[in-house]
Amino acid sequence: LFQDETGAILIDRDPEYFAPVLNYLRHGKLVVNKNVSIEGVLEEAEFYNLPRLIQLCTERLAEFGLKKAKQTKHVYRVLQCHEEELTNVVSAMSDGWKLVQLIPVGQFQYQSDMQSEFLCVVSREFPDNEIKNGEHTDLTDRVKALQQKARRKSIISIFYLYSQSK
């Protein structure tokens, strides 16, 4: 803290975030403009040691987190691929898709030319209004292509296994 020649204490803080603190001291309520973040007001409340304002900011942040969580859903996809395709499948993911889990589904030990198979579990967060009947309404072309490729490989693998069992 600094004092000027008149004895006034100078506090070097952001005036944009001090306004909600000042309004809280006047009215006892948390009022924040849309262009001011609650996190910034929380920092100021902690700086000025205002426990009730800290609590109000924390509650507001929790409410915002719940609203955001309710507005989005995770969509999961399971893609089947062979070991040789694994790199291509993972590198072809885009548009917010993330690899969640890679599950080996076994090796074909009776044929040396067969590759290990994997299930790739991928997910993406979508706004709630874009999902109808559990399906995302606008799958990207790349995801559609990966799904079709996985279906073809699955059918070929099943046909190959069936023909080998006879």
N, C-alpha and C. Protein backbone atom coordinates (compact mmCIF):
# COMPACT_ATOMS: atom_id res chain seq x y z
N LEU A 1 0.84 -1.18 0.00
CA LEU A 1 0.00 0.00 0.00
C LEU A 1 0.88 1.25 0.00
N PHE A 2 0.45 2.21 -0.74
CA PHE A 2 1.20 3.46 -0.85
C PHE A 2 0.33 4.61 -0.32
N GLN A 3 0.99 5.59 0.25
CA GLN A 3 0.29 6.80 0.70
C GLN A 3 0.85 7.99 -0.07
N ASP A 4 -0.08 8.87 -0.45
CA ASP A 4 0.39 10.08 -1.12
C ASP A 4 0.71 11.14 -0.07
N GLU A 5 1.04 12.36 -0.52
CA GLU A 5 1.45 13.42 0.40
C GLU A 5 0.33 13.87 1.34
N THR A 6 -0.94 13.60 0.97
CA THR A 6 -2.06 13.99 1.84
C THR A 6 -2.41 12.88 2.83
N GLY A 7 -1.74 11.73 2.71
CA GLY A 7 -2.03 10.61 3.62
C GLY A 7 -3.05 9.62 3.06
N ALA A 8 -3.55 9.89 1.85
CA ALA A 8 -4.51 8.97 1.25
C ALA A 8 -3.79 7.69 0.83
N ILE A 9 -4.46 6.56 1.06
CA ILE A 9 -3.88 5.27 0.69
C ILE A 9 -4.22 4.98 -0.77
N LEU A 10 -3.20 4.64 -1.54
CA LEU A 10 -3.39 4.31 -2.94
C LEU A 10 -3.35 2.79 -3.11
N ILE A 11 -4.40 2.26 -3.72
CA ILE A 11 -4.48 0.83 -3.99
C ILE A 11 -4.50 0.65 -5.50
N ASP A 12 -3.52 -0.08 -6.00
CA ASP A 12 -3.40 -0.28 -7.45
C ASP A 12 -4.15 -1.55 -7.85
N ARG A 13 -5.45 -1.40 -8.12
CA ARG A 13 -6.29 -2.53 -8.54
C ARG A 13 -7.08 -2.09 -9.76
N ASP A 14 -7.64 -3.06 -10.46
CA ASP A 14 -8.41 -2.79 -11.68
C ASP A 14 -9.76 -2.17 -11.31
N PRO A 15 -10.05 -0.95 -11.79
CA PRO A 15 -11.32 -0.30 -11.43
C PRO A 15 -12.54 -1.03 -11.98
N GLU A 16 -12.36 -1.77 -13.07
CA GLU A 16 -13.48 -2.52 -13.65
C GLU A 16 -13.99 -3.58 -12.67
N TYR A 17 -13.06 -4.21 -11.95
CA TYR A 17 -13.44 -5.24 -10.99
C TYR A 17 -13.74 -4.65 -9.61
N PHE A 18 -13.33 -3.41 -9.38
CA PHE A 18 -13.64 -2.78 -8.10
C PHE A 18 -15.09 -2.32 -8.04
N ALA A 19 -15.69 -2.00 -9.20
CA ALA A 19 -17.08 -1.53 -9.22
C ALA A 19 -18.04 -2.54 -8.59
N PRO A 20 -17.99 -3.85 -8.92
CA PRO A 20 -18.88 -4.80 -8.25
C PRO A 20 -18.60 -4.90 -6.75
N VAL A 21 -17.33 -4.74 -6.35
CA VAL A 21 -17.00 -4.76 -4.92
C VAL A 21 -17.64 -3.57 -4.23
N LEU A 22 -17.53 -2.41 -4.85
CA LEU A 22 -18.12 -1.19 -4.29
C LEU A 22 -19.64 -1.30 -4.21
N ASN A 23 -20.27 -1.84 -5.27
CA ASN A 23 -21.72 -2.05 -5.24
C ASN A 23 -22.12 -3.03 -4.15
N TYR A 24 -21.32 -4.07 -3.94
CA TYR A 24 -21.60 -5.02 -2.86
C TYR A 24 -21.54 -4.32 -1.51
N LEU A 25 -20.54 -3.47 -1.31
CA LEU A 25 -20.41 -2.76 -0.03
C LEU A 25 -21.58 -1.79 0.18
N ARG A 26 -22.13 -1.26 -0.90
CA ARG A 26 -23.27 -0.34 -0.80
C ARG A 26 -24.58 -1.08 -0.56
N HIS A 27 -24.80 -2.19 -1.30
CA HIS A 27 -26.12 -2.82 -1.33
C HIS A 27 -26.16 -4.22 -0.72
N GLY A 28 -25.02 -4.86 -0.56
CA GLY A 28 -25.00 -6.23 -0.04
C GLY A 28 -25.37 -7.28 -1.07
N LYS A 29 -25.38 -6.89 -2.35
CA LYS A 29 -25.73 -7.82 -3.43
C LYS A 29 -24.60 -7.86 -4.44
N LEU A 30 -24.52 -9.00 -5.14
CA LEU A 30 -23.52 -9.14 -6.19
C LEU A 30 -24.16 -8.77 -7.52
N VAL A 31 -23.75 -7.64 -8.07
CA VAL A 31 -24.23 -7.19 -9.38
C VAL A 31 -23.01 -7.02 -10.27
N VAL A 32 -22.99 -7.79 -11.37
CA VAL A 32 -21.82 -7.80 -12.25
C VAL A 32 -22.27 -7.55 -13.68
N ASN A 33 -21.61 -6.62 -14.37
CA ASN A 33 -21.87 -6.39 -15.79
C ASN A 33 -21.45 -7.61 -16.60
N LYS A 34 -22.03 -7.76 -17.79
CA LYS A 34 -21.74 -8.92 -18.63
C LYS A 34 -20.28 -8.98 -19.08
N ASN A 35 -19.63 -7.83 -19.20
CA ASN A 35 -18.24 -7.82 -19.67
C ASN A 35 -17.22 -8.01 -18.55
N VAL A 36 -17.69 -8.24 -17.32
CA VAL A 36 -16.81 -8.45 -16.17
C VAL A 36 -16.94 -9.90 -15.72
N SER A 37 -15.81 -10.58 -15.56
CA SER A 37 -15.86 -11.99 -15.16
C SER A 37 -16.02 -12.13 -13.65
N ILE A 38 -16.77 -13.14 -13.27
CA ILE A 38 -16.97 -13.43 -11.84
C ILE A 38 -15.64 -13.81 -11.21
N GLU A 39 -14.78 -14.51 -11.96
CA GLU A 39 -13.48 -14.90 -11.43
C GLU A 39 -12.67 -13.68 -11.01
N GLY A 40 -12.73 -12.61 -11.81
CA GLY A 40 -12.03 -11.38 -11.47
C GLY A 40 -12.59 -10.72 -10.23
N VAL A 41 -13.91 -10.72 -10.09
CA VAL A 41 -14.55 -10.16 -8.89
C VAL A 41 -14.17 -10.99 -7.67
N LEU A 42 -14.10 -12.32 -7.85
CA LEU A 42 -13.69 -13.20 -6.75
C LEU A 42 -12.28 -12.86 -6.29
N GLU A 43 -11.38 -12.61 -7.23
CA GLU A 43 -10.01 -12.22 -6.87
C GLU A 43 -10.01 -10.93 -6.05
N GLU A 44 -10.83 -9.97 -6.46
CA GLU A 44 -10.91 -8.71 -5.71
C GLU A 44 -11.49 -8.94 -4.32
N ALA A 45 -12.53 -9.78 -4.22
CA ALA A 45 -13.14 -10.07 -2.92
C ALA A 45 -12.12 -10.72 -1.99
N GLU A 46 -11.28 -11.59 -2.54
CA GLU A 46 -10.24 -12.20 -1.72
C GLU A 46 -9.18 -11.18 -1.33
N PHE A 47 -8.84 -10.27 -2.24
CA PHE A 47 -7.85 -9.24 -1.94
C PHE A 47 -8.33 -8.33 -0.80
N TYR A 48 -9.62 -7.95 -0.84
CA TYR A 48 -10.17 -7.07 0.19
C TYR A 48 -10.69 -7.83 1.40
N ASN A 49 -10.56 -9.15 1.39
CA ASN A 49 -10.98 -10.01 2.49
C ASN A 49 -12.44 -9.79 2.86
N LEU A 50 -13.31 -10.04 1.88
CA LEU A 50 -14.76 -9.90 2.07
C LEU A 50 -15.40 -11.29 1.97
N PRO A 51 -15.50 -12.02 3.10
CA PRO A 51 -15.95 -13.42 3.08
C PRO A 51 -17.32 -13.63 2.43
N ARG A 52 -18.28 -12.77 2.71
CA ARG A 52 -19.62 -12.96 2.14
C ARG A 52 -19.60 -12.76 0.62
N LEU A 53 -18.84 -11.79 0.15
CA LEU A 53 -18.72 -11.57 -1.30
C LEU A 53 -17.99 -12.76 -1.95
N ILE A 54 -17.01 -13.30 -1.27
CA ILE A 54 -16.32 -14.50 -1.77
C ILE A 54 -17.33 -15.63 -1.93
N GLN A 55 -18.19 -15.80 -0.93
CA GLN A 55 -19.21 -16.86 -0.97
C GLN A 55 -20.19 -16.62 -2.13
N LEU A 56 -20.64 -15.38 -2.30
CA LEU A 56 -21.57 -15.07 -3.40
C LEU A 56 -20.93 -15.35 -4.77
N CYS A 57 -19.67 -14.98 -4.92
CA CYS A 57 -18.98 -15.23 -6.20
C CYS A 57 -18.83 -16.73 -6.45
N THR A 58 -18.49 -17.47 -5.41
CA THR A 58 -18.32 -18.92 -5.53
C THR A 58 -19.65 -19.58 -5.90
N GLU A 59 -20.74 -19.14 -5.27
CA GLU A 59 -22.07 -19.69 -5.58
C GLU A 59 -22.45 -19.38 -7.03
N ARG A 60 -22.17 -18.16 -7.48
CA ARG A 60 -22.49 -17.77 -8.85
C ARG A 60 -21.70 -18.60 -9.85
N LEU A 61 -20.44 -18.84 -9.55
CA LEU A 61 -19.61 -19.68 -10.43
C LEU A 61 -20.15 -21.11 -10.49
N ALA A 62 -20.60 -21.63 -9.35
CA ALA A 62 -21.16 -22.99 -9.31
C ALA A 62 -22.45 -23.05 -10.13
N GLU A 63 -23.30 -22.03 -10.02
CA GLU A 63 -24.54 -21.99 -10.80
C GLU A 63 -24.23 -21.96 -12.30
N PHE A 64 -23.26 -21.16 -12.68
CA PHE A 64 -22.88 -21.07 -14.09
C PHE A 64 -22.35 -22.40 -14.59
N GLY A 65 -21.56 -23.09 -13.77
CA GLY A 65 -21.03 -24.40 -14.14
C GLY A 65 -22.14 -25.41 -14.35
N LEU A 66 -23.17 -25.40 -13.49
CA LEU A 66 -24.30 -26.32 -13.64
C LEU A 66 -25.09 -26.02 -14.91
N LYS A 67 -25.32 -24.74 -15.20
CA LYS A 67 -26.05 -24.37 -16.41
C LYS A 67 -25.29 -24.84 -17.65
N LYS A 68 -23.99 -24.63 -17.65
CA LYS A 68 -23.19 -25.03 -18.80
C LYS A 68 -23.20 -26.55 -18.96
N ALA A 69 -23.11 -27.27 -17.85
CA ALA A 69 -23.12 -28.74 -17.91
C ALA A 69 -24.46 -29.25 -18.45
N LYS A 70 -25.55 -28.58 -18.10
CA LYS A 70 -26.87 -29.00 -18.58
C LYS A 70 -27.07 -28.67 -20.05
N GLN A 71 -26.34 -27.70 -20.57
CA GLN A 71 -26.52 -27.26 -21.94
C GLN A 71 -25.70 -28.08 -22.93
N THR A 72 -24.82 -28.95 -22.44
CA THR A 72 -24.01 -29.76 -23.34
C THR A 72 -24.14 -31.23 -23.00
N LYS A 73 -23.95 -32.05 -24.00
CA LYS A 73 -23.97 -33.51 -23.81
C LYS A 73 -22.76 -34.09 -24.52
N HIS A 74 -22.29 -35.22 -23.99
CA HIS A 74 -21.20 -35.95 -24.64
C HIS A 74 -21.79 -37.01 -25.55
N VAL A 75 -21.32 -37.03 -26.77
CA VAL A 75 -21.71 -38.07 -27.72
C VAL A 75 -20.50 -38.99 -27.87
N TYR A 76 -20.74 -40.28 -27.72
CA TYR A 76 -19.67 -41.27 -27.83
C TYR A 76 -19.86 -42.09 -29.09
N ARG A 77 -18.76 -42.45 -29.71
CA ARG A 77 -18.77 -43.32 -30.88
C ARG A 77 -17.72 -44.40 -30.64
N VAL A 78 -18.01 -45.58 -31.15
CA VAL A 78 -17.05 -46.68 -31.07
C VAL A 78 -16.68 -47.07 -32.50
N LEU A 79 -15.40 -46.95 -32.81
CA LEU A 79 -14.91 -47.28 -34.15
C LEU A 79 -14.04 -48.52 -34.05
N GLN A 80 -14.25 -49.46 -34.94
CA GLN A 80 -13.45 -50.67 -34.98
C GLN A 80 -12.38 -50.50 -36.05
N CYS A 81 -11.14 -50.86 -35.72
CA CYS A 81 -10.08 -50.75 -36.71
C CYS A 81 -9.01 -51.80 -36.45
N HIS A 82 -8.25 -52.07 -37.49
CA HIS A 82 -7.12 -52.98 -37.37
C HIS A 82 -5.89 -52.19 -36.96
N GLU A 83 -4.90 -52.90 -36.50
CA GLU A 83 -3.67 -52.29 -36.01
C GLU A 83 -3.04 -51.36 -37.06
N GLU A 84 -3.05 -51.76 -38.31
CA GLU A 84 -2.45 -50.96 -39.38
C GLU A 84 -3.22 -49.66 -39.64
N GLU A 85 -4.49 -49.62 -39.27
CA GLU A 85 -5.32 -48.42 -39.50
C GLU A 85 -5.35 -47.49 -38.30
N LEU A 86 -4.82 -47.92 -37.18
CA LEU A 86 -4.95 -47.19 -35.93
C LEU A 86 -4.44 -45.76 -36.03
N THR A 87 -3.28 -45.58 -36.61
CA THR A 87 -2.70 -44.24 -36.75
C THR A 87 -3.59 -43.35 -37.60
N ASN A 88 -4.11 -43.89 -38.70
CA ASN A 88 -4.97 -43.09 -39.58
C ASN A 88 -6.27 -42.71 -38.88
N VAL A 89 -6.85 -43.63 -38.13
CA VAL A 89 -8.11 -43.34 -37.44
C VAL A 89 -7.91 -42.23 -36.43
N VAL A 90 -6.85 -42.33 -35.63
CA VAL A 90 -6.60 -41.31 -34.60
C VAL A 90 -6.25 -39.97 -35.24
N SER A 91 -5.43 -39.96 -36.28
CA SER A 91 -5.05 -38.69 -36.90
C SER A 91 -6.19 -38.07 -37.70
N ALA A 92 -7.17 -38.88 -38.12
CA ALA A 92 -8.29 -38.35 -38.89
C ALA A 92 -9.36 -37.70 -38.01
N MET A 93 -9.25 -37.88 -36.71
CA MET A 93 -10.25 -37.26 -35.82
C MET A 93 -10.07 -35.75 -35.82
N SER A 94 -11.17 -35.04 -35.90
CA SER A 94 -11.11 -33.58 -35.88
C SER A 94 -12.42 -33.05 -35.33
N ASP A 95 -12.61 -31.76 -35.47
CA ASP A 95 -13.86 -31.11 -35.09
C ASP A 95 -14.25 -31.38 -33.64
N GLY A 96 -13.26 -31.45 -32.75
CA GLY A 96 -13.56 -31.61 -31.33
C GLY A 96 -13.67 -33.04 -30.85
N TRP A 97 -13.52 -34.02 -31.73
CA TRP A 97 -13.56 -35.42 -31.31
C TRP A 97 -12.27 -35.74 -30.57
N LYS A 98 -12.41 -36.48 -29.45
CA LYS A 98 -11.25 -36.85 -28.64
C LYS A 98 -11.25 -38.36 -28.42
N LEU A 99 -10.06 -38.93 -28.41
CA LEU A 99 -9.92 -40.35 -28.12
C LEU A 99 -10.11 -40.55 -26.62
N VAL A 100 -11.08 -41.38 -26.24
CA VAL A 100 -11.36 -41.64 -24.84
C VAL A 100 -10.66 -42.92 -24.39
N GLN A 101 -10.77 -43.96 -25.20
CA GLN A 101 -10.22 -45.25 -24.81
C GLN A 101 -9.89 -46.07 -26.04
N LEU A 102 -8.83 -46.83 -25.94
CA LEU A 102 -8.43 -47.76 -26.99
C LEU A 102 -8.47 -49.16 -26.40
N ILE A 103 -9.32 -50.01 -26.97
CA ILE A 103 -9.55 -51.34 -26.40
C ILE A 103 -9.10 -52.40 -27.40
N PRO A 104 -8.10 -53.20 -27.04
CA PRO A 104 -7.73 -54.30 -27.93
C PRO A 104 -8.80 -55.40 -27.83
N VAL A 105 -9.23 -55.91 -28.97
CA VAL A 105 -10.28 -56.95 -28.94
C VAL A 105 -9.72 -58.31 -29.33
N GLY A 106 -8.44 -58.46 -29.29
CA GLY A 106 -7.86 -59.77 -29.52
C GLY A 106 -6.96 -59.81 -30.72
N GLN A 107 -6.14 -60.83 -30.75
CA GLN A 107 -5.23 -61.03 -31.87
C GLN A 107 -5.59 -62.33 -32.55
N PHE A 108 -5.39 -62.36 -33.83
CA PHE A 108 -5.59 -63.59 -34.58
C PHE A 108 -4.24 -64.30 -34.63
N GLN A 109 -4.06 -65.27 -33.77
CA GLN A 109 -2.77 -65.93 -33.68
C GLN A 109 -2.64 -67.07 -34.69
N TYR A 110 -3.75 -67.51 -35.27
CA TYR A 110 -3.68 -68.62 -36.21
C TYR A 110 -3.28 -68.18 -37.61
N GLN A 111 -3.32 -66.90 -37.89
CA GLN A 111 -2.92 -66.38 -39.20
C GLN A 111 -1.91 -65.26 -38.97
N SER A 112 -0.75 -65.36 -39.53
CA SER A 112 0.28 -64.34 -39.32
C SER A 112 0.00 -63.06 -40.10
N ASP A 113 -0.81 -63.15 -41.16
CA ASP A 113 -1.08 -61.95 -41.95
C ASP A 113 -2.22 -61.11 -41.40
N MET A 114 -2.90 -61.58 -40.39
CA MET A 114 -4.00 -60.82 -39.79
C MET A 114 -3.45 -59.87 -38.72
N GLN A 115 -4.00 -58.69 -38.64
CA GLN A 115 -3.59 -57.68 -37.68
C GLN A 115 -4.47 -57.73 -36.43
N SER A 116 -3.95 -57.19 -35.35
CA SER A 116 -4.76 -57.05 -34.14
C SER A 116 -5.89 -56.08 -34.40
N GLU A 117 -7.01 -56.29 -33.72
CA GLU A 117 -8.14 -55.38 -33.86
C GLU A 117 -8.29 -54.54 -32.60
N PHE A 118 -8.81 -53.33 -32.79
CA PHE A 118 -9.02 -52.41 -31.68
C PHE A 118 -10.39 -51.75 -31.81
N LEU A 119 -10.94 -51.41 -30.67
CA LEU A 119 -12.12 -50.54 -30.63
C LEU A 119 -11.63 -49.19 -30.13
N CYS A 120 -11.91 -48.15 -30.88
CA CYS A 120 -11.54 -46.78 -30.50
C CYS A 120 -12.80 -46.08 -30.01
N VAL A 121 -12.84 -45.75 -28.74
CA VAL A 121 -13.97 -45.01 -28.19
C VAL A 121 -13.60 -43.53 -28.27
N VAL A 122 -14.42 -42.77 -29.00
CA VAL A 122 -14.18 -41.33 -29.16
C VAL A 122 -15.40 -40.57 -28.65
N SER A 123 -15.17 -39.33 -28.23
CA SER A 123 -16.30 -38.53 -27.74
C SER A 123 -16.15 -37.09 -28.20
N ARG A 124 -17.27 -36.42 -28.15
CA ARG A 124 -17.32 -35.00 -28.48
C ARG A 124 -18.45 -34.37 -27.70
N GLU A 125 -18.25 -33.12 -27.29
CA GLU A 125 -19.27 -32.38 -26.56
C GLU A 125 -20.10 -31.59 -27.57
N PHE A 126 -21.43 -31.74 -27.47
CA PHE A 126 -22.34 -31.02 -28.36
C PHE A 126 -23.32 -30.21 -27.54
N PRO A 127 -23.76 -29.06 -28.05
CA PRO A 127 -24.84 -28.33 -27.39
C PRO A 127 -26.09 -29.21 -27.35
N ASP A 128 -26.82 -29.13 -26.26
CA ASP A 128 -27.99 -29.97 -26.03
C ASP A 128 -29.02 -29.84 -27.15
N ASN A 129 -29.16 -28.65 -27.73
CA ASN A 129 -30.19 -28.45 -28.76
C ASN A 129 -29.82 -29.08 -30.10
N GLU A 130 -28.59 -29.58 -30.26
CA GLU A 130 -28.19 -30.23 -31.51
C GLU A 130 -28.36 -31.74 -31.46
N ILE A 131 -28.86 -32.27 -30.33
CA ILE A 131 -29.00 -33.72 -30.18
C ILE A 131 -30.48 -34.07 -30.11
N LYS A 132 -30.92 -34.96 -31.00
CA LYS A 132 -32.31 -35.41 -31.01
C LYS A 132 -32.32 -36.93 -30.97
N ASN A 133 -33.13 -37.50 -30.09
CA ASN A 133 -33.25 -38.96 -29.94
C ASN A 133 -31.89 -39.63 -29.74
N GLY A 134 -31.02 -38.99 -28.98
CA GLY A 134 -29.72 -39.57 -28.70
C GLY A 134 -28.72 -39.50 -29.84
N GLU A 135 -29.09 -38.89 -30.96
CA GLU A 135 -28.21 -38.79 -32.12
C GLU A 135 -27.90 -37.32 -32.41
N HIS A 136 -26.67 -37.05 -32.75
CA HIS A 136 -26.31 -35.70 -33.16
C HIS A 136 -26.86 -35.47 -34.55
N THR A 137 -27.46 -34.31 -34.76
CA THR A 137 -28.18 -34.06 -36.01
C THR A 137 -27.28 -33.74 -37.19
N ASP A 138 -26.02 -33.37 -36.95
CA ASP A 138 -25.16 -32.96 -38.06
C ASP A 138 -23.76 -33.55 -37.90
N LEU A 139 -23.64 -34.86 -38.11
CA LEU A 139 -22.33 -35.49 -38.03
C LEU A 139 -21.45 -34.98 -39.16
N THR A 140 -20.20 -34.80 -38.87
CA THR A 140 -19.29 -34.32 -39.91
C THR A 140 -19.02 -35.42 -40.92
N ASP A 141 -18.64 -35.02 -42.12
CA ASP A 141 -18.35 -35.98 -43.19
C ASP A 141 -17.22 -36.93 -42.80
N ARG A 142 -16.24 -36.42 -42.09
CA ARG A 142 -15.10 -37.25 -41.71
C ARG A 142 -15.53 -38.36 -40.75
N VAL A 143 -16.40 -38.02 -39.80
CA VAL A 143 -16.90 -39.03 -38.86
C VAL A 143 -17.74 -40.05 -39.60
N LYS A 144 -18.58 -39.59 -40.52
CA LYS A 144 -19.39 -40.53 -41.31
C LYS A 144 -18.50 -41.47 -42.11
N ALA A 145 -17.44 -40.94 -42.69
CA ALA A 145 -16.52 -41.78 -43.48
C ALA A 145 -15.84 -42.81 -42.59
N LEU A 146 -15.43 -42.39 -41.39
CA LEU A 146 -14.80 -43.33 -40.47
C LEU A 146 -15.77 -44.43 -40.05
N GLN A 147 -17.03 -44.05 -39.81
CA GLN A 147 -18.03 -45.05 -39.43
C GLN A 147 -18.25 -46.05 -40.56
N GLN A 148 -18.36 -45.56 -41.79
CA GLN A 148 -18.58 -46.46 -42.93
C GLN A 148 -17.38 -47.37 -43.13
N LYS A 149 -16.19 -46.83 -42.99
CA LYS A 149 -14.98 -47.64 -43.15
C LYS A 149 -14.93 -48.72 -42.07
N ALA A 150 -15.28 -48.36 -40.84
CA ALA A 150 -15.28 -49.33 -39.75
C ALA A 150 -16.31 -50.42 -40.01
N ARG A 151 -17.49 -50.06 -40.53
CA ARG A 151 -18.52 -51.06 -40.84
C ARG A 151 -18.04 -52.02 -41.92
N ARG A 152 -17.42 -51.48 -42.98
CA ARG A 152 -16.91 -52.33 -44.06
C ARG A 152 -15.86 -53.30 -43.55
N LYS A 153 -14.94 -52.80 -42.73
CA LYS A 153 -13.88 -53.66 -42.19
C LYS A 153 -14.47 -54.73 -41.30
N SER A 154 -15.49 -54.37 -40.53
CA SER A 154 -16.13 -55.33 -39.64
C SER A 154 -16.79 -56.43 -40.46
N ILE A 155 -17.48 -56.07 -41.53
CA ILE A 155 -18.16 -57.05 -42.38
C ILE A 155 -17.12 -57.95 -43.06
N ILE A 156 -16.04 -57.37 -43.54
CA ILE A 156 -14.98 -58.16 -44.18
C ILE A 156 -14.37 -59.12 -43.17
N SER A 157 -14.11 -58.63 -41.94
CA SER A 157 -13.53 -59.50 -40.91
C SER A 157 -14.46 -60.64 -40.56
N ILE A 158 -15.74 -60.36 -40.42
CA ILE A 158 -16.71 -61.41 -40.09
C ILE A 158 -16.78 -62.42 -41.23
N PHE A 159 -16.81 -61.96 -42.48
CA PHE A 159 -16.85 -62.86 -43.62
C PHE A 159 -15.59 -63.73 -43.66
N TYR A 160 -14.42 -63.11 -43.41
CA TYR A 160 -13.16 -63.85 -43.42
C TYR A 160 -13.16 -64.93 -42.34
N LEU A 161 -13.58 -64.56 -41.12
CA LEU A 161 -13.62 -65.54 -40.03
C LEU A 161 -14.60 -66.66 -40.34
N TYR A 162 -15.73 -66.32 -40.93
CA TYR A 162 -16.73 -67.32 -41.28
C TYR A 162 -16.18 -68.28 -42.33
N SER A 163 -15.49 -67.74 -43.33
CA SER A 163 -14.96 -68.60 -44.39
C SER A 163 -13.83 -69.48 -43.87
N GLN A 164 -13.09 -69.02 -42.87
CA GLN A 164 -12.00 -69.81 -42.29
C GLN A 164 -12.52 -70.92 -41.39
N SER A 165 -13.71 -70.74 -40.84
CA SER A 165 -14.25 -71.74 -39.92
C SER A 165 -14.84 -72.93 -40.65
N LYS A 166 -15.06 -72.82 -41.94
CA LYS A 166 -15.66 -73.93 -42.72
C LYS A 166 -14.65 -74.92 -43.17
